[in-house]
Each structure stands twice: as C-alpha cells, then as structure tokens.
PDB file of N, CA and C in Angstrom:
ATOM      1  N   MET A   1     112.761  82.623 119.628  1.00  0.00           N
ATOM      2  CA  MET A   1     113.205  83.980 119.827  1.00  0.00           C
ATOM      3  C   MET A   1     114.031  84.093 121.105  1.00  0.00           C
ATOM      4  N   SER A   2     113.617  83.387 122.147  1.00  0.00           N
ATOM      5  CA  SER A   2     114.319  83.474 123.425  1.00  0.00           C
ATOM      6  C   SER A   2     115.781  83.070 123.279  1.00  0.00           C
ATOM      7  N   GLU A   3     116.021  81.995 122.544  1.00  0.00           N
ATOM      8  CA  GLU A   3     117.393  81.519 122.349  1.00  0.00           C
ATOM      9  C   GLU A   3     118.210  82.517 121.532  1.00  0.00           C
ATOM     10  N   VAL A   4     117.600  83.116 120.530  1.00  0.00           N
ATOM     11  CA  VAL A   4     118.303  84.090 119.694  1.00  0.00           C
ATOM     12  C   VAL A   4     118.722  85.294 120.533  1.00  0.00           C
ATOM     13  N   ILE A   5     117.819  85.785 121.360  1.00  0.00           N
ATOM     14  CA  ILE A   5     118.143  86.940 122.208  1.00  0.00           C
ATOM     15  C   ILE A   5     119.308  86.601 123.131  1.00  0.00           C
ATOM     16  N   ARG A   6     119.205  85.472 123.818  1.00  0.00           N
ATOM     17  CA  ARG A   6     120.252  85.092 124.770  1.00  0.00           C
ATOM     18  C   ARG A   6     121.590  84.882 124.076  1.00  0.00           C
ATOM     19  N   ARG A   7     121.571  84.132 122.975  1.00  0.00           N
ATOM     20  CA  ARG A   7     122.815  83.821 122.269  1.00  0.00           C
ATOM     21  C   ARG A   7     123.487  85.083 121.737  1.00  0.00           C
ATOM     22  N   ARG A   8     122.709  85.943 121.076  1.00  0.00           N
ATOM     23  CA  ARG A   8     123.292  87.150 120.484  1.00  0.00           C
ATOM     24  C   ARG A   8     123.786  88.118 121.567  1.00  0.00           C
ATOM     25  N   ARG A   9     123.023  88.252 122.627  1.00  0.00           N
ATOM     26  CA  ARG A   9     123.420  89.125 123.740  1.00  0.00           C
ATOM     27  C   ARG A   9     124.754  88.648 124.306  1.00  0.00           C
ATOM     28  N   THR A  10     124.885  87.334 124.480  1.00  0.00           N
ATOM     29  CA  THR A  10     126.119  86.753 125.008  1.00  0.00           C
ATOM     30  C   THR A  10     127.280  86.970 124.041  1.00  0.00           C
ATOM     31  N   GLU A  11     127.029  86.772 122.738  1.00  0.00           N
ATOM     32  CA  GLU A  11     128.062  86.999 121.726  1.00  0.00           C
ATOM     33  C   GLU A  11     128.605  88.430 121.803  1.00  0.00           C
ATOM     34  N   LEU A  12     127.709  89.377 122.075  1.00  0.00           N
ATOM     35  CA  LEU A  12     128.099  90.785 122.135  1.00  0.00           C
ATOM     36  C   LEU A  12     128.686  91.178 123.488  1.00  0.00           C
ATOM     37  N   GLY A  13     128.680  90.235 124.444  1.00  0.00           N
ATOM     38  CA  GLY A  13     129.211  90.523 125.770  1.00  0.00           C
ATOM     39  C   GLY A  13     128.330  91.468 126.570  1.00  0.00           C
ATOM     40  N   MET A  14     127.030  91.444 126.282  1.00  0.00           N
ATOM     41  CA  MET A  14     126.091  92.320 126.970  1.00  0.00           C
ATOM     42  C   MET A  14     125.428  91.574 128.124  1.00  0.00           C
ATOM     43  N   SER A  15     125.172  92.280 129.193  1.00  0.00           N
ATOM     44  CA  SER A  15     124.353  91.716 130.268  1.00  0.00           C
ATOM     45  C   SER A  15     122.887  91.938 129.897  1.00  0.00           C
ATOM     46  N   GLN A  16     121.995  91.311 130.633  1.00  0.00           N
ATOM     47  CA  GLN A  16     120.571  91.557 130.407  1.00  0.00           C
ATOM     48  C   GLN A  16     120.243  93.015 130.680  1.00  0.00           C
ATOM     49  N   ALA A  17     120.897  93.596 131.680  1.00  0.00           N
ATOM     50  CA  ALA A  17     120.684  95.020 131.983  1.00  0.00           C
ATOM     51  C   ALA A  17     121.174  95.905 130.839  1.00  0.00           C
ATOM     52  N   ASP A  18     122.310  95.537 130.237  1.00  0.00           N
ATOM     53  CA  ASP A  18     122.842  96.296 129.096  1.00  0.00           C
ATOM     54  C   ASP A  18     121.850  96.270 127.934  1.00  0.00           C
ATOM     55  N   LEU A  19     121.359  95.065 127.626  1.00  0.00           N
ATOM     56  CA  LEU A  19     120.402  94.937 126.524  1.00  0.00           C
ATOM     57  C   LEU A  19     119.127  95.707 126.837  1.00  0.00           C
ATOM     58  N   GLY A  20     118.657  95.578 128.063  1.00  0.00           N
ATOM     59  CA  GLY A  20     117.452  96.305 128.453  1.00  0.00           C
ATOM     60  C   GLY A  20     117.619  97.804 128.285  1.00  0.00           C
ATOM     61  N   ALA A  21     118.757  98.326 128.721  1.00  0.00           N
ATOM     62  CA  ALA A  21     119.015  99.760 128.598  1.00  0.00           C
ATOM     63  C   ALA A  21     119.082 100.180 127.135  1.00  0.00           C
ATOM     64  N   ALA A  22     119.741  99.370 126.318  1.00  0.00           N
ATOM     65  CA  ALA A  22     119.884  99.696 124.898  1.00  0.00           C
ATOM     66  C   ALA A  22     118.546  99.643 124.158  1.00  0.00           C
ATOM     67  N   ALA A  23     117.657  98.753 124.609  1.00  0.00           N
ATOM     68  CA  ALA A  23     116.358  98.582 123.939  1.00  0.00           C
ATOM     69  C   ALA A  23     115.234  99.355 124.625  1.00  0.00           C
ATOM     70  N   GLY A  24     115.533  99.962 125.766  1.00  0.00           N
ATOM     71  CA  GLY A  24     114.496 100.700 126.495  1.00  0.00           C
ATOM     72  C   GLY A  24     113.522  99.794 127.218  1.00  0.00           C
ATOM     73  N   VAL A  25     114.033  98.662 127.701  1.00  0.00           N
ATOM     74  CA  VAL A  25     113.209  97.654 128.372  1.00  0.00           C
ATOM     75  C   VAL A  25     113.863  97.315 129.708  1.00  0.00           C
ATOM     76  N   ASP A  26     113.066  97.060 130.708  1.00  0.00           N
ATOM     77  CA  ASP A  26     113.589  96.662 132.008  1.00  0.00           C
ATOM     78  C   ASP A  26     114.309  95.320 131.895  1.00  0.00           C
ATOM     79  N   ALA A  27     115.403  95.161 132.607  1.00  0.00           N
ATOM     80  CA  ALA A  27     116.180  93.921 132.576  1.00  0.00           C
ATOM     81  C   ALA A  27     115.338  92.710 132.983  1.00  0.00           C
ATOM     82  N   ARG A  28     114.380  92.903 133.888  1.00  0.00           N
ATOM     83  CA  ARG A  28     113.503  91.784 134.280  1.00  0.00           C
ATOM     84  C   ARG A  28     112.696  91.288 133.082  1.00  0.00           C
ATOM     85  N   GLN A  29     112.294  92.213 132.216  1.00  0.00           N
ATOM     86  CA  GLN A  29     111.535  91.805 131.033  1.00  0.00           C
ATOM     87  C   GLN A  29     112.438  91.056 130.055  1.00  0.00           C
ATOM     88  N   ILE A  30     113.676  91.490 129.928  1.00  0.00           N
ATOM     89  CA  ILE A  30     114.632  90.762 129.083  1.00  0.00           C
ATOM     90  C   ILE A  30     114.778  89.335 129.597  1.00  0.00           C
ATOM     91  N   ARG A  31     114.860  89.159 130.913  1.00  0.00           N
ATOM     92  CA  ARG A  31     114.937  87.811 131.501  1.00  0.00           C
ATOM     93  C   ARG A  31     113.719  86.981 131.106  1.00  0.00           C
ATOM     94  N   ARG A  32     112.542  87.587 131.138  1.00  0.00           N
ATOM     95  CA  ARG A  32     111.313  86.865 130.756  1.00  0.00           C
ATOM     96  C   ARG A  32     111.353  86.450 129.288  1.00  0.00           C
ATOM     97  N   TYR A  33     111.836  87.360 128.420  1.00  0.00           N
ATOM     98  CA  TYR A  33     111.940  87.020 126.997  1.00  0.00           C
ATOM     99  C   TYR A  33     112.917  85.862 126.798  1.00  0.00           C
ATOM    100  N   GLU A  34     114.057  85.923 127.455  1.00  0.00           N
ATOM    101  CA  GLU A  34     115.060  84.864 127.299  1.00  0.00           C
ATOM    102  C   GLU A  34     114.595  83.538 127.885  1.00  0.00           C
ATOM    103  N   ALA A  35     113.770  83.592 128.900  1.00  0.00           N
ATOM    104  CA  ALA A  35     113.239  82.362 129.509  1.00  0.00           C
ATOM    105  C   ALA A  35     112.056  81.807 128.714  1.00  0.00           C
ATOM    106  N   GLY A  36     111.593  82.562 127.721  1.00  0.00           N
ATOM    107  CA  GLY A  36     110.440  82.131 126.932  1.00  0.00           C
ATOM    108  C   GLY A  36     109.127  82.296 127.657  1.00  0.00           C
ATOM    109  N   GLN A  37     109.120  83.089 128.717  1.00  0.00           N
ATOM    110  CA  GLN A  37     107.895  83.312 129.492  1.00  0.00           C
ATOM    111  C   GLN A  37     106.957  84.306 128.819  1.00  0.00           C
ATOM    112  N   SER A  38     107.506  85.157 127.964  1.00  0.00           N
ATOM    113  CA  SER A  38     106.679  86.099 127.209  1.00  0.00           C
ATOM    114  C   SER A  38     107.406  86.480 125.935  1.00  0.00           C
ATOM    115  N   GLN A  39     106.671  87.071 125.005  1.00  0.00           N
ATOM    116  CA  GLN A  39     107.233  87.529 123.739  1.00  0.00           C
ATOM    117  C   GLN A  39     107.043  89.043 123.665  1.00  0.00           C
ATOM    118  N   PRO A  40     108.013  89.751 123.127  1.00  0.00           N
ATOM    119  CA  PRO A  40     107.878  91.204 123.043  1.00  0.00           C
ATOM    120  C   PRO A  40     106.859  91.622 121.993  1.00  0.00           C
ATOM    121  N   VAL A  41     106.232  92.763 122.232  1.00  0.00           N
ATOM    122  CA  VAL A  41     105.380  93.358 121.205  1.00  0.00           C
ATOM    123  C   VAL A  41     106.290  93.840 120.083  1.00  0.00           C
ATOM    124  N   LEU A  42     105.722  94.158 118.944  1.00  0.00           N
ATOM    125  CA  LEU A  42     106.515  94.498 117.764  1.00  0.00           C
ATOM    126  C   LEU A  42     107.519  95.609 118.025  1.00  0.00           C
ATOM    127  N   SER A  43     107.082  96.704 118.611  1.00  0.00           N
ATOM    128  CA  SER A  43     107.997  97.834 118.810  1.00  0.00           C
ATOM    129  C   SER A  43     109.173  97.448 119.697  1.00  0.00           C
ATOM    130  N   VAL A  44     108.935  96.624 120.700  1.00  0.00           N
ATOM    131  CA  VAL A  44     110.013  96.177 121.586  1.00  0.00           C
ATOM    132  C   VAL A  44     110.914  95.184 120.854  1.00  0.00           C
ATOM    133  N   ALA A  45     110.323  94.298 120.062  1.00  0.00           N
ATOM    134  CA  ALA A  45     111.126  93.342 119.290  1.00  0.00           C
ATOM    135  C   ALA A  45     112.054  94.075 118.332  1.00  0.00           C
ATOM    136  N   VAL A  46     111.552  95.117 117.702  1.00  0.00           N
ATOM    137  CA  VAL A  46     112.386  95.911 116.789  1.00  0.00           C
ATOM    138  C   VAL A  46     113.522  96.574 117.564  1.00  0.00           C
ATOM    139  N   ALA A  47     113.206  97.126 118.731  1.00  0.00           N
ATOM    140  CA  ALA A  47     114.237  97.771 119.555  1.00  0.00           C
ATOM    141  C   ALA A  47     115.287  96.759 120.011  1.00  0.00           C
ATOM    142  N   ILE A  48     114.864  95.565 120.375  1.00  0.00           N
ATOM    143  CA  ILE A  48     115.801  94.519 120.790  1.00  0.00           C
ATOM    144  C   ILE A  48     116.674  94.100 119.610  1.00  0.00           C
ATOM    145  N   ALA A  49     116.056  93.887 118.442  1.00  0.00           N
ATOM    146  CA  ALA A  49     116.822  93.518 117.251  1.00  0.00           C
ATOM    147  C   ALA A  49     117.859  94.595 116.932  1.00  0.00           C
ATOM    148  N   ASP A  50     117.458  95.859 117.007  1.00  0.00           N
ATOM    149  CA  ASP A  50     118.395  96.957 116.754  1.00  0.00           C
ATOM    150  C   ASP A  50     119.540  96.936 117.767  1.00  0.00           C
ATOM    151  N   ALA A  51     119.209  96.751 119.033  1.00  0.00           N
ATOM    152  CA  ALA A  51     120.236  96.723 120.083  1.00  0.00           C
ATOM    153  C   ALA A  51     121.199  95.552 119.897  1.00  0.00           C
ATOM    154  N   LEU A  52     120.701  94.463 119.324  1.00  0.00           N
ATOM    155  CA  LEU A  52     121.530  93.285 119.091  1.00  0.00           C
ATOM    156  C   LEU A  52     122.194  93.304 117.707  1.00  0.00           C
ATOM    157  N   ALA A  53     121.916  94.365 116.935  1.00  0.00           N
ATOM    158  CA  ALA A  53     122.478  94.522 115.586  1.00  0.00           C
ATOM    159  C   ALA A  53     122.117  93.352 114.671  1.00  0.00           C
ATOM    160  N   ILE A  54     120.845  92.928 114.747  1.00  0.00           N
ATOM    161  CA  ILE A  54     120.332  91.884 113.868  1.00  0.00           C
ATOM    162  C   ILE A  54     118.997  92.353 113.304  1.00  0.00           C
ATOM    163  N   SER A  55     118.529  91.671 112.272  1.00  0.00           N
ATOM    164  CA  SER A  55     117.239  92.017 111.675  1.00  0.00           C
ATOM    165  C   SER A  55     116.110  91.370 112.477  1.00  0.00           C
ATOM    166  N   ILE A  56     114.914  91.860 112.264  1.00  0.00           N
ATOM    167  CA  ILE A  56     113.743  91.275 112.914  1.00  0.00           C
ATOM    168  C   ILE A  56     113.568  89.822 112.455  1.00  0.00           C
ATOM    169  N   ASN A  57     113.945  89.518 111.210  1.00  0.00           N
ATOM    170  CA  ASN A  57     113.862  88.147 110.711  1.00  0.00           C
ATOM    171  C   ASN A  57     114.857  87.233 111.411  1.00  0.00           C
ATOM    172  N   GLU A  58     116.021  87.756 111.760  1.00  0.00           N
ATOM    173  CA  GLU A  58     116.987  86.972 112.522  1.00  0.00           C
ATOM    174  C   GLU A  58     116.510  86.767 113.957  1.00  0.00           C
ATOM    175  N   LEU A  59     115.836  87.773 114.487  1.00  0.00           N
ATOM    176  CA  LEU A  59     115.323  87.678 115.853  1.00  0.00           C
ATOM    177  C   LEU A  59     114.206  86.639 115.947  1.00  0.00           C
ATOM    178  N   ALA A  60     113.370  86.576 114.924  1.00  0.00           N
ATOM    179  CA  ALA A  60     112.220  85.667 114.931  1.00  0.00           C
ATOM    180  C   ALA A  60     112.276  84.740 113.714  1.00  0.00           C
ATOM    181  N   PRO A  61     113.280  83.851 113.660  1.00  0.00           N
ATOM    182  CA  PRO A  61     113.444  83.018 112.473  1.00  0.00           C
ATOM    183  C   PRO A  61     112.439  81.881 112.344  1.00  0.00           C
ATOM    184  N   ASP A  62     111.813  81.510 113.414  1.00  0.00           N
ATOM    185  CA  ASP A  62     110.915  80.360 113.445  1.00  0.00           C
ATOM    186  C   ASP A  62     109.614  80.677 112.726  1.00  0.00           C
ATOM    187  N   SER A  63     109.093  79.738 111.978  1.00  0.00           N
ATOM    188  CA  SER A  63     107.849  79.957 111.237  1.00  0.00           C
ATOM    189  C   SER A  63     106.674  80.242 112.166  1.00  0.00           C
ATOM    190  N   ARG A  64     106.774  79.869 113.439  1.00  0.00           N
ATOM    191  CA  ARG A  64     105.701  80.165 114.380  1.00  0.00           C
ATOM    192  C   ARG A  64     105.637  81.656 114.705  1.00  0.00           C
ATOM    193  N   ASN A  65     106.638  82.412 114.274  1.00  0.00           N
ATOM    194  CA  ASN A  65     106.674  83.838 114.559  1.00  0.00           C
ATOM    195  C   ASN A  65     106.269  84.674 113.350  1.00  0.00           C
ATOM    196  N   HIS A  66     105.475  84.103 112.432  1.00  0.00           N
ATOM    197  CA  HIS A  66     105.034  84.845 111.251  1.00  0.00           C
ATOM    198  C   HIS A  66     104.278  86.112 111.621  1.00  0.00           C
ATOM    199  N   GLU A  67     103.504  86.077 112.690  1.00  0.00           N
ATOM    200  CA  GLU A  67     102.716  87.259 113.051  1.00  0.00           C
ATOM    201  C   GLU A  67     103.623  88.457 113.271  1.00  0.00           C
ATOM    202  N   LEU A  68     104.705  88.282 113.981  1.00  0.00           N
ATOM    203  CA  LEU A  68     105.642  89.373 114.239  1.00  0.00           C
ATOM    204  C   LEU A  68     106.243  89.869 112.931  1.00  0.00           C
ATOM    205  N   LYS A  69     106.647  88.949 112.076  1.00  0.00           N
ATOM    206  CA  LYS A  69     107.226  89.329 110.794  1.00  0.00           C
ATOM    207  C   LYS A  69     106.200  90.030 109.919  1.00  0.00           C
ATOM    208  N   ASP A  70     104.970  89.528 109.896  1.00  0.00           N
ATOM    209  CA  ASP A  70     103.927  90.151 109.089  1.00  0.00           C
ATOM    210  C   ASP A  70     103.634  91.567 109.559  1.00  0.00           C
ATOM    211  N   ARG A  71     103.588  91.778 110.864  1.00  0.00           N
ATOM    212  CA  ARG A  71     103.389  93.132 111.375  1.00  0.00           C
ATOM    213  C   ARG A  71     104.538  94.037 110.980  1.00  0.00           C
ATOM    214  N   ALA A  72     105.752  93.514 111.029  1.00  0.00           N
ATOM    215  CA  ALA A  72     106.922  94.308 110.650  1.00  0.00           C
ATOM    216  C   ALA A  72     106.846  94.695 109.180  1.00  0.00           C
ATOM    217  N   ARG A  73     106.229  93.854 108.357  1.00  0.00           N
ATOM    218  CA  ARG A  73     106.076  94.148 106.928  1.00  0.00           C
ATOM    219  C   ARG A  73     104.826  94.984 106.646  1.00  0.00           C
ATOM    220  N   GLY A  74     104.062  95.289 107.657  1.00  0.00           N
ATOM    221  CA  GLY A  74     102.868  96.103 107.471  1.00  0.00           C
ATOM    222  C   GLY A  74     101.669  95.334 106.943  1.00  0.00           C
ATOM    223  N   MET A  75     101.676  94.016 107.045  1.00  0.00           N
ATOM    224  CA  MET A  75     100.550  93.219 106.572  1.00  0.00           C
ATOM    225  C   MET A  75      99.472  93.152 107.641  1.00  0.00           C
ATOM    226  N   PRO A  76      98.219  93.225 107.223  1.00  0.00           N
ATOM    227  CA  PRO A  76      97.141  93.063 108.200  1.00  0.00           C
ATOM    228  C   PRO A  76      97.210  91.677 108.818  1.00  0.00           C
ATOM    229  N   VAL A  77      97.424  91.615 110.092  1.00  0.00           N
ATOM    230  CA  VAL A  77      97.586  90.335 110.762  1.00  0.00           C
ATOM    231  C   VAL A  77      96.280  89.556 110.781  1.00  0.00           C
ATOM    232  N   SER A  78      95.151  90.241 110.701  1.00  0.00           N
ATOM    233  CA  SER A  78      93.876  89.535 110.777  1.00  0.00           C
ATOM    234  C   SER A  78      93.736  88.484 109.675  1.00  0.00           C
ATOM    235  N   VAL A  79      94.225  88.744 108.477  1.00  0.00           N
ATOM    236  CA  VAL A  79      94.149  87.769 107.386  1.00  0.00           C
ATOM    237  C   VAL A  79      95.041  86.574 107.708  1.00  0.00           C
ATOM    238  N   VAL A  80      96.242  86.842 108.139  1.00  0.00           N
ATOM    239  CA  VAL A  80      97.173  85.771 108.478  1.00  0.00           C
ATOM    240  C   VAL A  80      96.635  84.965 109.656  1.00  0.00           C
ATOM    241  N   ASP A  81      96.082  85.661 110.650  1.00  0.00           N
ATOM    242  CA  ASP A  81      95.494  84.959 111.799  1.00  0.00           C
ATOM    243  C   ASP A  81      94.339  84.068 111.369  1.00  0.00           C
ATOM    244  N   ALA A  82      93.515  84.557 110.449  1.00  0.00           N
ATOM    245  CA  ALA A  82      92.377  83.768 109.980  1.00  0.00           C
ATOM    246  C   ALA A  82      92.848  82.494 109.292  1.00  0.00           C
ATOM    247  N   VAL A  83      93.878  82.607 108.482  1.00  0.00           N
ATOM    248  CA  VAL A  83      94.424  81.428 107.809  1.00  0.00           C
ATOM    249  C   VAL A  83      94.988  80.449 108.832  1.00  0.00           C
ATOM    250  N   LYS A  84      95.746  80.980 109.806  1.00  0.00           N
ATOM    251  CA  LYS A  84      96.341  80.113 110.833  1.00  0.00           C
ATOM    252  C   LYS A  84      95.279  79.410 111.670  1.00  0.00           C
ATOM    253  N   ALA A  85      94.169  80.088 111.907  1.00  0.00           N
ATOM    254  CA  ALA A  85      93.148  79.546 112.802  1.00  0.00           C
ATOM    255  C   ALA A  85      92.137  78.648 112.107  1.00  0.00           C
ATOM    256  N   ASP A  86      92.145  78.598 110.790  1.00  0.00           N
ATOM    257  CA  ASP A  86      91.147  77.816 110.054  1.00  0.00           C
ATOM    258  C   ASP A  86      91.347  76.324 110.308  1.00  0.00           C
ATOM    259  N   PRO A  87      90.376  75.670 110.972  1.00  0.00           N
ATOM    260  CA  PRO A  87      90.530  74.248 111.291  1.00  0.00           C
ATOM    261  C   PRO A  87      90.426  73.345 110.071  1.00  0.00           C
ATOM    262  N   GLY A  88      89.934  73.882 108.958  1.00  0.00           N
ATOM    263  CA  GLY A  88      89.795  73.084 107.748  1.00  0.00           C
ATOM    264  C   GLY A  88      91.070  72.989 106.933  1.00  0.00           C
ATOM    265  N   LEU A  89      92.117  73.687 107.365  1.00  0.00           N
ATOM    266  CA  LEU A  89      93.372  73.671 106.627  1.00  0.00           C
ATOM    267  C   LEU A  89      94.433  72.866 107.376  1.00  0.00           C
ATOM    268  N   ASP A  90      95.238  72.147 106.612  1.00  0.00           N
ATOM    269  CA  ASP A  90      96.402  71.518 107.223  1.00  0.00           C
ATOM    270  C   ASP A  90      97.572  72.501 107.109  1.00  0.00           C
ATOM    271  N   ASP A  91      98.735  72.142 107.640  1.00  0.00           N
ATOM    272  CA  ASP A  91      99.890  73.046 107.621  1.00  0.00           C
ATOM    273  C   ASP A  91     100.273  73.447 106.200  1.00  0.00           C
ATOM    274  N   SER A  92     100.179  72.514 105.278  1.00  0.00           N
ATOM    275  CA  SER A  92     100.519  72.796 103.886  1.00  0.00           C
ATOM    276  C   SER A  92      99.567  73.832 103.292  1.00  0.00           C
ATOM    277  N   GLY A  93      98.278  73.683 103.553  1.00  0.00           N
ATOM    278  CA  GLY A  93      97.287  74.641 103.063  1.00  0.00           C
ATOM    279  C   GLY A  93      97.472  76.017 103.667  1.00  0.00           C
ATOM    280  N   ARG A  94      97.778  76.049 104.954  1.00  0.00           N
ATOM    281  CA  ARG A  94      98.025  77.338 105.618  1.00  0.00           C
ATOM    282  C   ARG A  94      99.214  78.051 104.994  1.00  0.00           C
ATOM    283  N   GLU A  95     100.282  77.301 104.782  1.00  0.00           N
ATOM    284  CA  GLU A  95     101.494  77.888 104.204  1.00  0.00           C
ATOM    285  C   GLU A  95     101.227  78.395 102.787  1.00  0.00           C
ATOM    286  N   LEU A  96     100.501  77.622 102.005  1.00  0.00           N
ATOM    287  CA  LEU A  96     100.184  78.018 100.641  1.00  0.00           C
ATOM    288  C   LEU A  96      99.351  79.298 100.618  1.00  0.00           C
ATOM    289  N   LEU A  97      98.290  79.357 101.409  1.00  0.00           N
ATOM    290  CA  LEU A  97      97.442  80.548 101.433  1.00  0.00           C
ATOM    291  C   LEU A  97      98.196  81.778 101.938  1.00  0.00           C
ATOM    292  N   THR A  98      99.017  81.590 102.937  1.00  0.00           N
ATOM    293  CA  THR A  98      99.807  82.709 103.466  1.00  0.00           C
ATOM    294  C   THR A  98     100.788  83.203 102.415  1.00  0.00           C
ATOM    295  N   THR A  99     101.420  82.281 101.700  1.00  0.00           N
ATOM    296  CA  THR A  99     102.367  82.662 100.648  1.00  0.00           C
ATOM    297  C   THR A  99     101.668  83.417  99.533  1.00  0.00           C
ATOM    298  N   VAL A 100     100.508  82.941  99.111  1.00  0.00           N
ATOM    299  CA  VAL A 100      99.746  83.622  98.063  1.00  0.00           C
ATOM    300  C   VAL A 100      99.326  85.012  98.527  1.00  0.00           C
ATOM    301  N   TYR A 101      98.856  85.114  99.758  1.00  0.00           N
ATOM    302  CA  TYR A 101      98.443  86.416 100.292  1.00  0.00           C
ATOM    303  C   TYR A 101      99.618  87.387 100.302  1.00  0.00           C
ATOM    304  N   ARG A 102     100.759  86.946 100.771  1.00  0.00           N
ATOM    305  CA  ARG A 102     101.936  87.823 100.803  1.00  0.00           C
ATOM    306  C   ARG A 102     102.326  88.264  99.400  1.00  0.00           C
ATOM    307  N   TRP A 103     102.239  87.354  98.444  1.00  0.00           N
ATOM    308  CA  TRP A 103     102.544  87.693  97.060  1.00  0.00           C
ATOM    309  C   TRP A 103     101.576  88.760  96.551  1.00  0.00           C
ATOM    310  N   LEU A 104     100.289  88.592  96.824  1.00  0.00           N
ATOM    311  CA  LEU A 104      99.294  89.574  96.385  1.00  0.00           C
ATOM    312  C   LEU A 104      99.545  90.953  96.994  1.00  0.00           C
ATOM    313  N   VAL A 105      99.917  90.977  98.269  1.00  0.00           N
ATOM    314  CA  VAL A 105     100.213  92.252  98.927  1.00  0.00           C
ATOM    315  C   VAL A 105     101.393  92.931  98.240  1.00  0.00           C
ATOM    316  N   ARG A 106     102.437  92.158  97.940  1.00  0.00           N
ATOM    317  CA  ARG A 106     103.610  92.742  97.260  1.00  0.00           C
ATOM    318  C   ARG A 106     103.243  93.259  95.878  1.00  0.00           C
ATOM    319  N   GLN A 107     102.415  92.505  95.160  1.00  0.00           N
ATOM    320  CA  GLN A 107     101.992  92.924  93.823  1.00  0.00           C
ATOM    321  C   GLN A 107     101.194  94.222  93.887  1.00  0.00           C
ATOM    322  N   ARG A 108     100.288  94.306  94.857  1.00  0.00           N
ATOM    323  CA  ARG A 108      99.476  95.501  95.004  1.00  0.00           C
ATOM    324  C   ARG A 108     100.344  96.710  95.347  1.00  0.00           C
ATOM    325  N   ARG A 109     101.298  96.509  96.223  1.00  0.00           N
ATOM    326  CA  ARG A 109     102.205  97.616  96.580  1.00  0.00           C
ATOM    327  C   ARG A 109     103.017  98.058  95.376  1.00  0.00           C
ATOM    328  N   GLY A 110     103.451  97.098  94.564  1.00  0.00           N
ATOM    329  CA  GLY A 110     104.208  97.436  93.360  1.00  0.00           C
ATOM    330  C   GLY A 110     103.359  98.227  92.373  1.00  0.00           C
ATOM    331  N   SER A 111     102.083  97.866  92.215  1.00  0.00           N
ATOM    332  CA  SER A 111     101.169  98.588  91.321  1.00  0.00           C
ATOM    333  C   SER A 111     100.911  99.989  91.805  1.00  0.00           C
ATOM    334  N   ASN A 112     100.749 100.141  93.119  1.00  0.00           N
ATOM    335  CA  ASN A 112     100.490 101.465  93.687  1.00  0.00           C
ATOM    336  C   ASN A 112     101.703 102.375  93.534  1.00  0.00           C
ATOM    337  N   ALA A 113     102.879 101.804  93.602  1.00  0.00           N
ATOM    338  CA  ALA A 113     104.101 102.603  93.496  1.00  0.00           C
ATOM    339  C   ALA A 113     104.292 103.128  92.062  1.00  0.00           C
ATOM    340  N   LYS A 114     103.806 102.368  91.074  1.00  0.00           N
ATOM    341  CA  LYS A 114     103.959 102.761  89.670  1.00  0.00           C
ATOM    342  C   LYS A 114     102.953 103.798  89.242  1.00  0.00           C
ATOM    343  N   SER A 115     101.804 103.884  89.918  1.00  0.00           N
ATOM    344  CA  SER A 115     100.771 104.809  89.472  1.00  0.00           C
ATOM    345  C   SER A 115     100.923 106.185  90.043  1.00  0.00           C
TER     346      SER A 115
END
C-alpha cells in the first residue's frame, strides 16, 4: 500500500501535504503510510483512495491486505481473521476457505435482495 500511495501521489503531482489535505489527514501521517510505518484505518484508506482517484482495491492490491478489502465489502472480519489465524491451515487452505466464505456471503446477499 505504501508504494501505491507514493507512486500515485507522484503521478498526480501532489505533495504529501496536498494528499493529506485532500484526504483529511495530516501530512505527517501520509509520510508514515508511505514509509510503511503504519496502515490507515478503513475510513482513511477510502479517503486516500478517493483523493488519489483510485479504487480501494488498487490502493491495497496485495493479498496481505484482505482485511481492508473485506471491511470495504462489509464482510465480518472476524471470520476472515479466524481463517487467517488458524495454525492448522496452509496458505492454500486459507485461500480456499476465504473464497468459499466470500461466495456464500454474495449468495446470501443475492437471496436477500430477491425476497
């Protein structure tokens, strides 16, 4: 995420202060995000993505950022966190369970919309 913020901000010709002002964040915090010292909370990540004219998925393209994406989609993070934290699963098992869970959530939302 840090590289995406820095690269896109530079492409747009924005300073860290410009991005901070556009996203409602102090420029010092933007520096921390770009340095990888911290990650923004969801509401700030959305504001940064909007200020950079990119989607939240473009802002957090790495699979390690599923939590941010799941929150943006309204998925209960506790289920995803439980799958990620399960020591009995390898990466393949985690990915499979997360994919199935996301599919079930979409199916349930589709059923609720039809009724």
